[in-house]
Amino acid sequence: MNALVTTANGMFGNAVVRALADRGAGVRAMVRDRSKFTFSHPLVEVVTADLDDPRTLPAAFRGVEGVFLASPMDPRLADRECAALGAAREVEDLVRIGAY
């Protein structure tokens, strides 16, 4: 798997999933609610995980080369991103979008 995209149901995450798949990259789309993810592509694997529950992250991050980290702006942003960084120990590349 080439890349994991967090919050793949969100505006940025969803756009990145579509762009990567359209360019031929294998994508793991991470969502909290699989029923809300409507994009289907043979190169996209959907995985259920939650940045608010670090126990769900290792399986989502396992085996990917890169991560696109998009986190919703709210008071839990730092905790979510720290959890993601903890799960991304074996990942070579990480791109983050957002502002503090």
PDB file of N, CA and C in Angstrom:
ATOM      1  N   MET A   1       0.856  -1.172   0.000  1.00  0.00           N
ATOM      2  CA  MET A   1       0.000   0.000   0.000  1.00  0.00           C
ATOM      3  C   MET A   1       0.897   1.228   0.000  1.00  0.00           C
ATOM      4  N   ASN A   2       0.606   2.151  -0.892  1.00  0.00           N
ATOM      5  CA  ASN A   2       1.420   3.348  -1.013  1.00  0.00           C
ATOM      6  C   ASN A   2       1.173   4.363   0.090  1.00  0.00           C
ATOM      7  N   ALA A   3      -0.095   4.684   0.352  1.00  0.00           N
ATOM      8  CA  ALA A   3      -0.365   5.801   1.261  1.00  0.00           C
ATOM      9  C   ALA A   3      -1.627   5.571   2.077  1.00  0.00           C
ATOM     10  N   LEU A   4      -1.593   6.110   3.287  1.00  0.00           N
ATOM     11  CA  LEU A   4      -2.766   6.174   4.149  1.00  0.00           C
ATOM     12  C   LEU A   4      -3.228   7.617   4.174  1.00  0.00           C
ATOM     13  N   VAL A   5      -4.523   7.823   4.010  1.00  0.00           N
ATOM     14  CA  VAL A   5      -5.095   9.162   4.105  1.00  0.00           C
ATOM     15  C   VAL A   5      -6.065   9.151   5.271  1.00  0.00           C
ATOM     16  N   THR A   6      -5.761   9.971   6.301  1.00  0.00           N
ATOM     17  CA  THR A   6      -6.654  10.052   7.451  1.00  0.00           C
ATOM     18  C   THR A   6      -7.833  10.954   7.106  1.00  0.00           C
ATOM     19  N   THR A   7      -8.868  10.850   7.886  1.00  0.00           N
ATOM     20  CA  THR A   7     -10.114  11.604   7.685  1.00  0.00           C
ATOM     21  C   THR A   7     -10.509  11.648   6.200  1.00  0.00           C
ATOM     22  N   ALA A   8     -10.563  10.456   5.616  1.00  0.00           N
ATOM     23  CA  ALA A   8     -10.851  10.349   4.181  1.00  0.00           C
ATOM     24  C   ALA A   8     -12.274  10.754   3.820  1.00  0.00           C
ATOM     25  N   ASN A   9     -13.137  10.919   4.809  1.00  0.00           N
ATOM     26  CA  ASN A   9     -14.479  11.437   4.537  1.00  0.00           C
ATOM     27  C   ASN A   9     -14.511  12.955   4.521  1.00  0.00           C
ATOM     28  N   GLY A  10     -13.425  13.587   4.939  1.00  0.00           N
ATOM     29  CA  GLY A  10     -13.381  15.042   4.997  1.00  0.00           C
ATOM     30  C   GLY A  10     -13.071  15.668   3.644  1.00  0.00           C
ATOM     31  N   MET A  11     -13.170  16.970   3.595  1.00  0.00           N
ATOM     32  CA  MET A  11     -12.962  17.705   2.348  1.00  0.00           C
ATOM     33  C   MET A  11     -11.562  17.462   1.771  1.00  0.00           C
ATOM     34  N   PHE A  12     -10.526  17.640   2.574  1.00  0.00           N
ATOM     35  CA  PHE A  12      -9.163  17.475   2.070  1.00  0.00           C
ATOM     36  C   PHE A  12      -8.818  16.006   1.881  1.00  0.00           C
ATOM     37  N   GLY A  13      -9.118  15.189   2.874  1.00  0.00           N
ATOM     38  CA  GLY A  13      -8.787  13.775   2.787  1.00  0.00           C
ATOM     39  C   GLY A  13      -9.435  13.100   1.601  1.00  0.00           C
ATOM     40  N   ASN A  14     -10.690  13.384   1.363  1.00  0.00           N
ATOM     41  CA  ASN A  14     -11.396  12.774   0.246  1.00  0.00           C
ATOM     42  C   ASN A  14     -10.788  13.190  -1.083  1.00  0.00           C
ATOM     43  N   ALA A  15     -10.433  14.446  -1.204  1.00  0.00           N
ATOM     44  CA  ALA A  15      -9.813  14.927  -2.451  1.00  0.00           C
ATOM     45  C   ALA A  15      -8.470  14.243  -2.687  1.00  0.00           C
ATOM     46  N   VAL A  16      -7.700  14.040  -1.626  1.00  0.00           N
ATOM     47  CA  VAL A  16      -6.394  13.389  -1.761  1.00  0.00           C
ATOM     48  C   VAL A  16      -6.570  11.918  -2.147  1.00  0.00           C
ATOM     49  N   VAL A  17      -7.518  11.222  -1.536  1.00  0.00           N
ATOM     50  CA  VAL A  17      -7.783   9.824  -1.901  1.00  0.00           C
ATOM     51  C   VAL A  17      -8.096   9.728  -3.386  1.00  0.00           C
ATOM     52  N   ARG A  18      -8.984  10.562  -3.866  1.00  0.00           N
ATOM     53  CA  ARG A  18      -9.383  10.532  -5.283  1.00  0.00           C
ATOM     54  C   ARG A  18      -8.208  10.843  -6.205  1.00  0.00           C
ATOM     55  N   ALA A  19      -7.433  11.849  -5.857  1.00  0.00           N
ATOM     56  CA  ALA A  19      -6.299  12.247  -6.697  1.00  0.00           C
ATOM     57  C   ALA A  19      -5.249  11.140  -6.767  1.00  0.00           C
ATOM     58  N   LEU A  20      -4.925  10.540  -5.632  1.00  0.00           N
ATOM     59  CA  LEU A  20      -3.921   9.474  -5.625  1.00  0.00           C
ATOM     60  C   LEU A  20      -4.399   8.256  -6.410  1.00  0.00           C
ATOM     61  N   ALA A  21      -5.644   7.851  -6.192  1.00  0.00           N
ATOM     62  CA  ALA A  21      -6.176   6.695  -6.913  1.00  0.00           C
ATOM     63  C   ALA A  21      -6.224   6.951  -8.410  1.00  0.00           C
ATOM     64  N   ASP A  22      -6.630   8.145  -8.799  1.00  0.00           N
ATOM     65  CA  ASP A  22      -6.683   8.487 -10.223  1.00  0.00           C
ATOM     66  C   ASP A  22      -5.302   8.484 -10.869  1.00  0.00           C
ATOM     67  N   ARG A  23      -4.266   8.649 -10.059  1.00  0.00           N
ATOM     68  CA  ARG A  23      -2.893   8.634 -10.570  1.00  0.00           C
ATOM     69  C   ARG A  23      -2.234   7.265 -10.445  1.00  0.00           C
ATOM     70  N   GLY A  24      -3.008   6.271 -10.004  1.00  0.00           N
ATOM     71  CA  GLY A  24      -2.518   4.898  -9.973  1.00  0.00           C
ATOM     72  C   GLY A  24      -1.843   4.473  -8.686  1.00  0.00           C
ATOM     73  N   ALA A  25      -1.988   5.243  -7.622  1.00  0.00           N
ATOM     74  CA  ALA A  25      -1.376   4.883  -6.341  1.00  0.00           C
ATOM     75  C   ALA A  25      -2.370   4.090  -5.502  1.00  0.00           C
ATOM     76  N   GLY A  26      -1.865   3.090  -4.806  1.00  0.00           N
ATOM     77  CA  GLY A  26      -2.688   2.363  -3.850  1.00  0.00           C
ATOM     78  C   GLY A  26      -2.930   3.239  -2.637  1.00  0.00           C
ATOM     79  N   VAL A  27      -4.173   3.334  -2.200  1.00  0.00           N
ATOM     80  CA  VAL A  27      -4.536   4.235  -1.104  1.00  0.00           C
ATOM     81  C   VAL A  27      -5.337   3.476  -0.062  1.00  0.00           C
ATOM     82  N   ARG A  28      -4.981   3.693   1.195  1.00  0.00           N
ATOM     83  CA  ARG A  28      -5.808   3.221   2.307  1.00  0.00           C
ATOM     84  C   ARG A  28      -6.534   4.435   2.858  1.00  0.00           C
ATOM     85  N   ALA A  29      -7.832   4.440   2.732  1.00  0.00           N
ATOM     86  CA  ALA A  29      -8.669   5.560   3.177  1.00  0.00           C
ATOM     87  C   ALA A  29      -9.144   5.265   4.595  1.00  0.00           C
ATOM     88  N   MET A  30      -8.709   6.084   5.546  1.00  0.00           N
ATOM     89  CA  MET A  30      -9.076   5.885   6.938  1.00  0.00           C
ATOM     90  C   MET A  30     -10.297   6.728   7.276  1.00  0.00           C
ATOM     91  N   VAL A  31     -11.344   6.055   7.770  1.00  0.00           N
ATOM     92  CA  VAL A  31     -12.592   6.732   8.124  1.00  0.00           C
ATOM     93  C   VAL A  31     -13.081   6.231   9.478  1.00  0.00           C
ATOM     94  N   ARG A  32     -13.870   7.049  10.146  1.00  0.00           N
ATOM     95  CA  ARG A  32     -14.531   6.606  11.381  1.00  0.00           C
ATOM     96  C   ARG A  32     -15.821   5.868  11.058  1.00  0.00           C
ATOM     97  N   ASP A  33     -16.505   6.302  10.012  1.00  0.00           N
ATOM     98  CA  ASP A  33     -17.787   5.719   9.639  1.00  0.00           C
ATOM     99  C   ASP A  33     -17.732   5.284   8.179  1.00  0.00           C
ATOM    100  N   ARG A  34     -17.553   4.005   7.974  1.00  0.00           N
ATOM    101  CA  ARG A  34     -17.404   3.455   6.625  1.00  0.00           C
ATOM    102  C   ARG A  34     -18.626   3.736   5.759  1.00  0.00           C
ATOM    103  N   SER A  35     -19.807   3.810   6.347  1.00  0.00           N
ATOM    104  CA  SER A  35     -21.028   4.014   5.560  1.00  0.00           C
ATOM    105  C   SER A  35     -21.069   5.393   4.901  1.00  0.00           C
ATOM    106  N   LYS A  36     -20.274   6.334   5.399  1.00  0.00           N
ATOM    107  CA  LYS A  36     -20.258   7.679   4.816  1.00  0.00           C
ATOM    108  C   LYS A  36     -19.222   7.832   3.701  1.00  0.00           C
ATOM    109  N   PHE A  37     -18.395   6.818   3.498  1.00  0.00           N
ATOM    110  CA  PHE A  37     -17.378   6.891   2.446  1.00  0.00           C
ATOM    111  C   PHE A  37     -17.977   6.332   1.171  1.00  0.00           C
ATOM    112  N   THR A  38     -18.204   7.184   0.184  1.00  0.00           N
ATOM    113  CA  THR A  38     -18.941   6.779  -1.009  1.00  0.00           C
ATOM    114  C   THR A  38     -18.068   6.551  -2.239  1.00  0.00           C
ATOM    115  N   PHE A  39     -16.801   6.911  -2.183  1.00  0.00           N
ATOM    116  CA  PHE A  39     -15.912   6.753  -3.335  1.00  0.00           C
ATOM    117  C   PHE A  39     -15.477   5.296  -3.449  1.00  0.00           C
ATOM    118  N   SER A  40     -15.551   4.765  -4.641  1.00  0.00           N
ATOM    119  CA  SER A  40     -15.127   3.389  -4.884  1.00  0.00           C
ATOM    120  C   SER A  40     -14.117   3.369  -6.027  1.00  0.00           C
ATOM    121  N   HIS A  41     -13.012   2.677  -5.798  1.00  0.00           N
ATOM    122  CA  HIS A  41     -11.951   2.577  -6.808  1.00  0.00           C
ATOM    123  C   HIS A  41     -11.165   1.307  -6.483  1.00  0.00           C
ATOM    124  N   PRO A  42     -10.729   0.575  -7.496  1.00  0.00           N
ATOM    125  CA  PRO A  42     -10.007  -0.675  -7.236  1.00  0.00           C
ATOM    126  C   PRO A  42      -8.698  -0.490  -6.450  1.00  0.00           C
ATOM    127  N   LEU A  43      -8.132   0.694  -6.470  1.00  0.00           N
ATOM    128  CA  LEU A  43      -6.874   0.937  -5.752  1.00  0.00           C
ATOM    129  C   LEU A  43      -7.085   1.492  -4.347  1.00  0.00           C
ATOM    130  N   VAL A  44      -8.338   1.608  -3.927  1.00  0.00           N
ATOM    131  CA  VAL A  44      -8.639   2.187  -2.612  1.00  0.00           C
ATOM    132  C   VAL A  44      -9.139   1.110  -1.663  1.00  0.00           C
ATOM    133  N   GLU A  45      -8.456   1.005  -0.529  1.00  0.00           N
ATOM    134  CA  GLU A  45      -8.870   0.126   0.563  1.00  0.00           C
ATOM    135  C   GLU A  45      -9.401   1.023   1.680  1.00  0.00           C
ATOM    136  N   VAL A  46     -10.583   0.731   2.171  1.00  0.00           N
ATOM    137  CA  VAL A  46     -11.173   1.524   3.248  1.00  0.00           C
ATOM    138  C   VAL A  46     -10.925   0.814   4.571  1.00  0.00           C
ATOM    139  N   VAL A  47     -10.444   1.569   5.557  1.00  0.00           N
ATOM    140  CA  VAL A  47     -10.191   1.024   6.884  1.00  0.00           C
ATOM    141  C   VAL A  47     -10.860   1.922   7.918  1.00  0.00           C
ATOM    142  N   THR A  48     -11.458   1.290   8.920  1.00  0.00           N
ATOM    143  CA  THR A  48     -12.115   2.041   9.980  1.00  0.00           C
ATOM    144  C   THR A  48     -11.143   2.220  11.143  1.00  0.00           C
ATOM    145  N   ALA A  49     -10.900   3.472  11.501  1.00  0.00           N
ATOM    146  CA  ALA A  49     -10.047   3.814  12.637  1.00  0.00           C
ATOM    147  C   ALA A  49     -10.414   5.221  13.077  1.00  0.00           C
ATOM    148  N   ASP A  50      -9.962   5.590  14.269  1.00  0.00           N
ATOM    149  CA  ASP A  50     -10.367   6.866  14.846  1.00  0.00           C
ATOM    150  C   ASP A  50      -9.177   7.529  15.520  1.00  0.00           C
ATOM    151  N   LEU A  51      -8.845   8.735  15.098  1.00  0.00           N
ATOM    152  CA  LEU A  51      -7.733   9.467  15.707  1.00  0.00           C
ATOM    153  C   LEU A  51      -7.963   9.740  17.193  1.00  0.00           C
ATOM    154  N   ASP A  52      -9.209   9.671  17.645  1.00  0.00           N
ATOM    155  CA  ASP A  52      -9.514   9.851  19.061  1.00  0.00           C
ATOM    156  C   ASP A  52      -9.339   8.558  19.862  1.00  0.00           C
ATOM    157  N   ASP A  53      -9.074   7.445  19.196  1.00  0.00           N
ATOM    158  CA  ASP A  53      -8.870   6.160  19.854  1.00  0.00           C
ATOM    159  C   ASP A  53      -7.572   5.549  19.329  1.00  0.00           C
ATOM    160  N   PRO A  54      -6.439   5.868  19.955  1.00  0.00           N
ATOM    161  CA  PRO A  54      -5.135   5.403  19.467  1.00  0.00           C
ATOM    162  C   PRO A  54      -5.029   3.890  19.300  1.00  0.00           C
ATOM    163  N   ARG A  55      -5.836   3.124  20.003  1.00  0.00           N
ATOM    164  CA  ARG A  55      -5.792   1.662  19.867  1.00  0.00           C
ATOM    165  C   ARG A  55      -6.208   1.207  18.480  1.00  0.00           C
ATOM    166  N   THR A  56      -6.961   2.024  17.747  1.00  0.00           N
ATOM    167  CA  THR A  56      -7.431   1.641  16.415  1.00  0.00           C
ATOM    168  C   THR A  56      -6.437   1.982  15.314  1.00  0.00           C
ATOM    169  N   LEU A  57      -5.384   2.710  15.648  1.00  0.00           N
ATOM    170  CA  LEU A  57      -4.494   3.242  14.612  1.00  0.00           C
ATOM    171  C   LEU A  57      -3.420   2.290  14.090  1.00  0.00           C
ATOM    172  N   PRO A  58      -2.789   1.451  14.896  1.00  0.00           N
ATOM    173  CA  PRO A  58      -1.694   0.627  14.358  1.00  0.00           C
ATOM    174  C   PRO A  58      -2.058  -0.179  13.122  1.00  0.00           C
ATOM    175  N   ALA A  59      -3.212  -0.801  13.105  1.00  0.00           N
ATOM    176  CA  ALA A  59      -3.610  -1.592  11.930  1.00  0.00           C
ATOM    177  C   ALA A  59      -3.783  -0.712  10.699  1.00  0.00           C
ATOM    178  N   ALA A  60      -4.308   0.485  10.881  1.00  0.00           N
ATOM    179  CA  ALA A  60      -4.504   1.392   9.752  1.00  0.00           C
ATOM    180  C   ALA A  60      -3.174   1.853   9.170  1.00  0.00           C
ATOM    181  N   PHE A  61      -2.188   2.070  10.017  1.00  0.00           N
ATOM    182  CA  PHE A  61      -0.893   2.599   9.583  1.00  0.00           C
ATOM    183  C   PHE A  61       0.073   1.514   9.100  1.00  0.00           C
ATOM    184  N   ARG A  62      -0.194   0.269   9.428  1.00  0.00           N
ATOM    185  CA  ARG A  62       0.712  -0.829   9.106  1.00  0.00           C
ATOM    186  C   ARG A  62       0.872  -1.018   7.599  1.00  0.00           C
ATOM    187  N   GLY A  63       2.122  -1.047   7.153  1.00  0.00           N
ATOM    188  CA  GLY A  63       2.418  -1.390   5.769  1.00  0.00           C
ATOM    189  C   GLY A  63       2.316  -0.267   4.756  1.00  0.00           C
ATOM    190  N   VAL A  64       2.076   0.961   5.193  1.00  0.00           N
ATOM    191  CA  VAL A  64       2.019   2.063   4.238  1.00  0.00           C
ATOM    192  C   VAL A  64       3.370   2.768   4.165  1.00  0.00           C
ATOM    193  N   GLU A  65       3.644   3.352   3.029  1.00  0.00           N
ATOM    194  CA  GLU A  65       4.894   4.084   2.833  1.00  0.00           C
ATOM    195  C   GLU A  65       4.771   5.540   3.259  1.00  0.00           C
ATOM    196  N   GLY A  66       3.580   6.100   3.110  1.00  0.00           N
ATOM    197  CA  GLY A  66       3.379   7.501   3.424  1.00  0.00           C
ATOM    198  C   GLY A  66       2.016   7.735   4.032  1.00  0.00           C
ATOM    199  N   VAL A  67       1.899   8.872   4.723  1.00  0.00           N
ATOM    200  CA  VAL A  67       0.641   9.242   5.369  1.00  0.00           C
ATOM    201  C   VAL A  67       0.316  10.686   5.025  1.00  0.00           C
ATOM    202  N   PHE A  68      -0.938  10.926   4.654  1.00  0.00           N
ATOM    203  CA  PHE A  68      -1.468  12.271   4.535  1.00  0.00           C
ATOM    204  C   PHE A  68      -2.338  12.467   5.759  1.00  0.00           C
ATOM    205  N   LEU A  69      -1.883  13.323   6.672  1.00  0.00           N
ATOM    206  CA  LEU A  69      -2.564  13.535   7.945  1.00  0.00           C
ATOM    207  C   LEU A  69      -3.390  14.805   7.879  1.00  0.00           C
ATOM    208  N   ALA A  70      -4.687  14.618   7.881  1.00  0.00           N
ATOM    209  CA  ALA A  70      -5.623  15.741   7.938  1.00  0.00           C
ATOM    210  C   ALA A  70      -6.445  15.550   9.200  1.00  0.00           C
ATOM    211  N   SER A  71      -6.464  16.563  10.046  1.00  0.00           N
ATOM    212  CA  SER A  71      -7.199  16.478  11.306  1.00  0.00           C
ATOM    213  C   SER A  71      -8.187  17.633  11.384  1.00  0.00           C
ATOM    214  N   PRO A  72      -9.405  17.347  11.799  1.00  0.00           N
ATOM    215  CA  PRO A  72     -10.368  18.435  11.967  1.00  0.00           C
ATOM    216  C   PRO A  72      -9.884  19.433  13.019  1.00  0.00           C
ATOM    217  N   MET A  73     -10.124  20.695  12.761  1.00  0.00           N
ATOM    218  CA  MET A  73      -9.713  21.740  13.699  1.00  0.00           C
ATOM    219  C   MET A  73     -10.670  21.769  14.887  1.00  0.00           C
ATOM    220  N   ASP A  74     -10.179  21.381  16.028  1.00  0.00           N
ATOM    221  CA  ASP A  74     -10.923  21.494  17.274  1.00  0.00           C
ATOM    222  C   ASP A  74      -9.946  21.339  18.427  1.00  0.00           C
ATOM    223  N   PRO A  75     -10.391  21.462  19.653  1.00  0.00           N
ATOM    224  CA  PRO A  75      -9.480  21.429  20.795  1.00  0.00           C
ATOM    225  C   PRO A  75      -8.675  20.127  20.938  1.00  0.00           C
ATOM    226  N   ARG A  76      -9.105  19.037  20.290  1.00  0.00           N
ATOM    227  CA  ARG A  76      -8.382  17.756  20.396  1.00  0.00           C
ATOM    228  C   ARG A  76      -7.334  17.566  19.309  1.00  0.00           C
ATOM    229  N   LEU A  77      -7.075  18.582  18.519  1.00  0.00           N
ATOM    230  CA  LEU A  77      -6.154  18.466  17.388  1.00  0.00           C
ATOM    231  C   LEU A  77      -4.792  17.926  17.798  1.00  0.00           C
ATOM    232  N   ALA A  78      -4.173  18.499  18.803  1.00  0.00           N
ATOM    233  CA  ALA A  78      -2.831  18.071  19.207  1.00  0.00           C
ATOM    234  C   ALA A  78      -2.831  16.614  19.661  1.00  0.00           C
ATOM    235  N   ASP A  79      -3.825  16.203  20.433  1.00  0.00           N
ATOM    236  CA  ASP A  79      -3.898  14.813  20.884  1.00  0.00           C
ATOM    237  C   ASP A  79      -4.061  13.862  19.706  1.00  0.00           C
ATOM    238  N   ARG A  80      -4.893  14.238  18.756  1.00  0.00           N
ATOM    239  CA  ARG A  80      -5.105  13.395  17.574  1.00  0.00           C
ATOM    240  C   ARG A  80      -3.826  13.234  16.775  1.00  0.00           C
ATOM    241  N   GLU A  81      -3.139  14.338  16.545  1.00  0.00           N
ATOM    242  CA  GLU A  81      -1.925  14.273  15.735  1.00  0.00           C
ATOM    243  C   GLU A  81      -0.803  13.539  16.466  1.00  0.00           C
ATOM    244  N   CYS A  82      -0.723  13.675  17.766  1.00  0.00           N
ATOM    245  CA  CYS A  82       0.270  12.912  18.533  1.00  0.00           C
ATOM    246  C   CYS A  82      -0.020  11.416  18.440  1.00  0.00           C
ATOM    247  N   ALA A  83      -1.283  11.040  18.506  1.00  0.00           N
ATOM    248  CA  ALA A  83      -1.657   9.634  18.362  1.00  0.00           C
ATOM    249  C   ALA A  83      -1.260   9.113  16.981  1.00  0.00           C
ATOM    250  N   ALA A  84      -1.503   9.915  15.954  1.00  0.00           N
ATOM    251  CA  ALA A  84      -1.141   9.516  14.594  1.00  0.00           C
ATOM    252  C   ALA A  84       0.370   9.372  14.451  1.00  0.00           C
ATOM    253  N   LEU A  85       1.117  10.298  14.992  1.00  0.00           N
ATOM    254  CA  LEU A  85       2.580  10.210  14.914  1.00  0.00           C
ATOM    255  C   LEU A  85       3.098   8.974  15.642  1.00  0.00           C
ATOM    256  N   GLY A  86       2.469   8.629  16.748  1.00  0.00           N
ATOM    257  CA  GLY A  86       2.856   7.418  17.458  1.00  0.00           C
ATOM    258  C   GLY A  86       2.629   6.170  16.632  1.00  0.00           C
ATOM    259  N   ALA A  87       1.562   6.145  15.866  1.00  0.00           N
ATOM    260  CA  ALA A  87       1.243   4.986  15.021  1.00  0.00           C
ATOM    261  C   ALA A  87       2.064   4.967  13.740  1.00  0.00           C
ATOM    262  N   ALA A  88       2.652   6.097  13.387  1.00  0.00           N
ATOM    263  CA  ALA A  88       3.368   6.226  12.110  1.00  0.00           C
ATOM    264  C   ALA A  88       4.872   6.002  12.237  1.00  0.00           C
ATOM    265  N   ARG A  89       5.305   5.308  13.252  1.00  0.00           N
ATOM    266  CA  ARG A  89       6.750   5.124  13.497  1.00  0.00           C
ATOM    267  C   ARG A  89       7.497   4.479  12.341  1.00  0.00           C
ATOM    268  N   GLU A  90       6.847   3.596  11.604  1.00  0.00           N
ATOM    269  CA  GLU A  90       7.506   2.884  10.500  1.00  0.00           C
ATOM    270  C   GLU A  90       7.290   3.556   9.142  1.00  0.00           C
ATOM    271  N   VAL A  91       6.598   4.669   9.125  1.00  0.00           N
ATOM    272  CA  VAL A  91       6.253   5.352   7.881  1.00  0.00           C
ATOM    273  C   VAL A  91       7.411   6.241   7.443  1.00  0.00           C
ATOM    274  N   GLU A  92       7.742   6.194   6.158  1.00  0.00           N
ATOM    275  CA  GLU A  92       8.842   6.991   5.617  1.00  0.00           C
ATOM    276  C   GLU A  92       8.475   8.455   5.425  1.00  0.00           C
ATOM    277  N   ASP A  93       7.285   8.723   4.926  1.00  0.00           N
ATOM    278  CA  ASP A  93       6.894  10.085   4.588  1.00  0.00           C
ATOM    279  C   ASP A  93       5.559  10.425   5.250  1.00  0.00           C
ATOM    280  N   LEU A  94       5.488  11.642   5.779  1.00  0.00           N
ATOM    281  CA  LEU A  94       4.240  12.100   6.386  1.00  0.00           C
ATOM    282  C   LEU A  94       4.006  13.540   5.946  1.00  0.00           C
ATOM    283  N   VAL A  95       2.813  13.791   5.430  1.00  0.00           N
ATOM    284  CA  VAL A  95       2.411  15.142   5.035  1.00  0.00           C
ATOM    285  C   VAL A  95       1.247  15.522   5.916  1.00  0.00           C
ATOM    286  N   ARG A  96       1.287  16.711   6.454  1.00  0.00           N
ATOM    287  CA  ARG A  96       0.234  17.196   7.348  1.00  0.00           C
ATOM    288  C   ARG A  96      -0.377  18.454   6.767  1.00  0.00           C
ATOM    289  N   ILE A  97      -1.691  18.543   6.854  1.00  0.00           N
ATOM    290  CA  ILE A  97      -2.363  19.759   6.445  1.00  0.00           C
ATOM    291  C   ILE A  97      -3.114  20.294   7.646  1.00  0.00           C
ATOM    292  N   GLY A  98      -3.093  21.601   7.820  1.00  0.00           N
ATOM    293  CA  GLY A  98      -3.795  22.204   8.938  1.00  0.00           C
ATOM    294  C   GLY A  98      -3.010  23.379   9.478  1.00  0.00           C
ATOM    295  N   ALA A  99      -3.583  24.022  10.426  1.00  0.00           N
ATOM    296  CA  ALA A  99      -2.937  25.183  11.054  1.00  0.00           C
ATOM    297  C   ALA A  99      -3.283  25.171  12.530  1.00  0.00           C
ATOM    298  N   TYR A 100      -2.443  25.794  13.299  1.00  0.00           N
ATOM    299  CA  TYR A 100      -2.696  25.896  14.735  1.00  0.00           C
ATOM    300  C   TYR A 100      -3.148  27.283  15.062  1.00  0.00           C
TER     301      TYR A 100
END
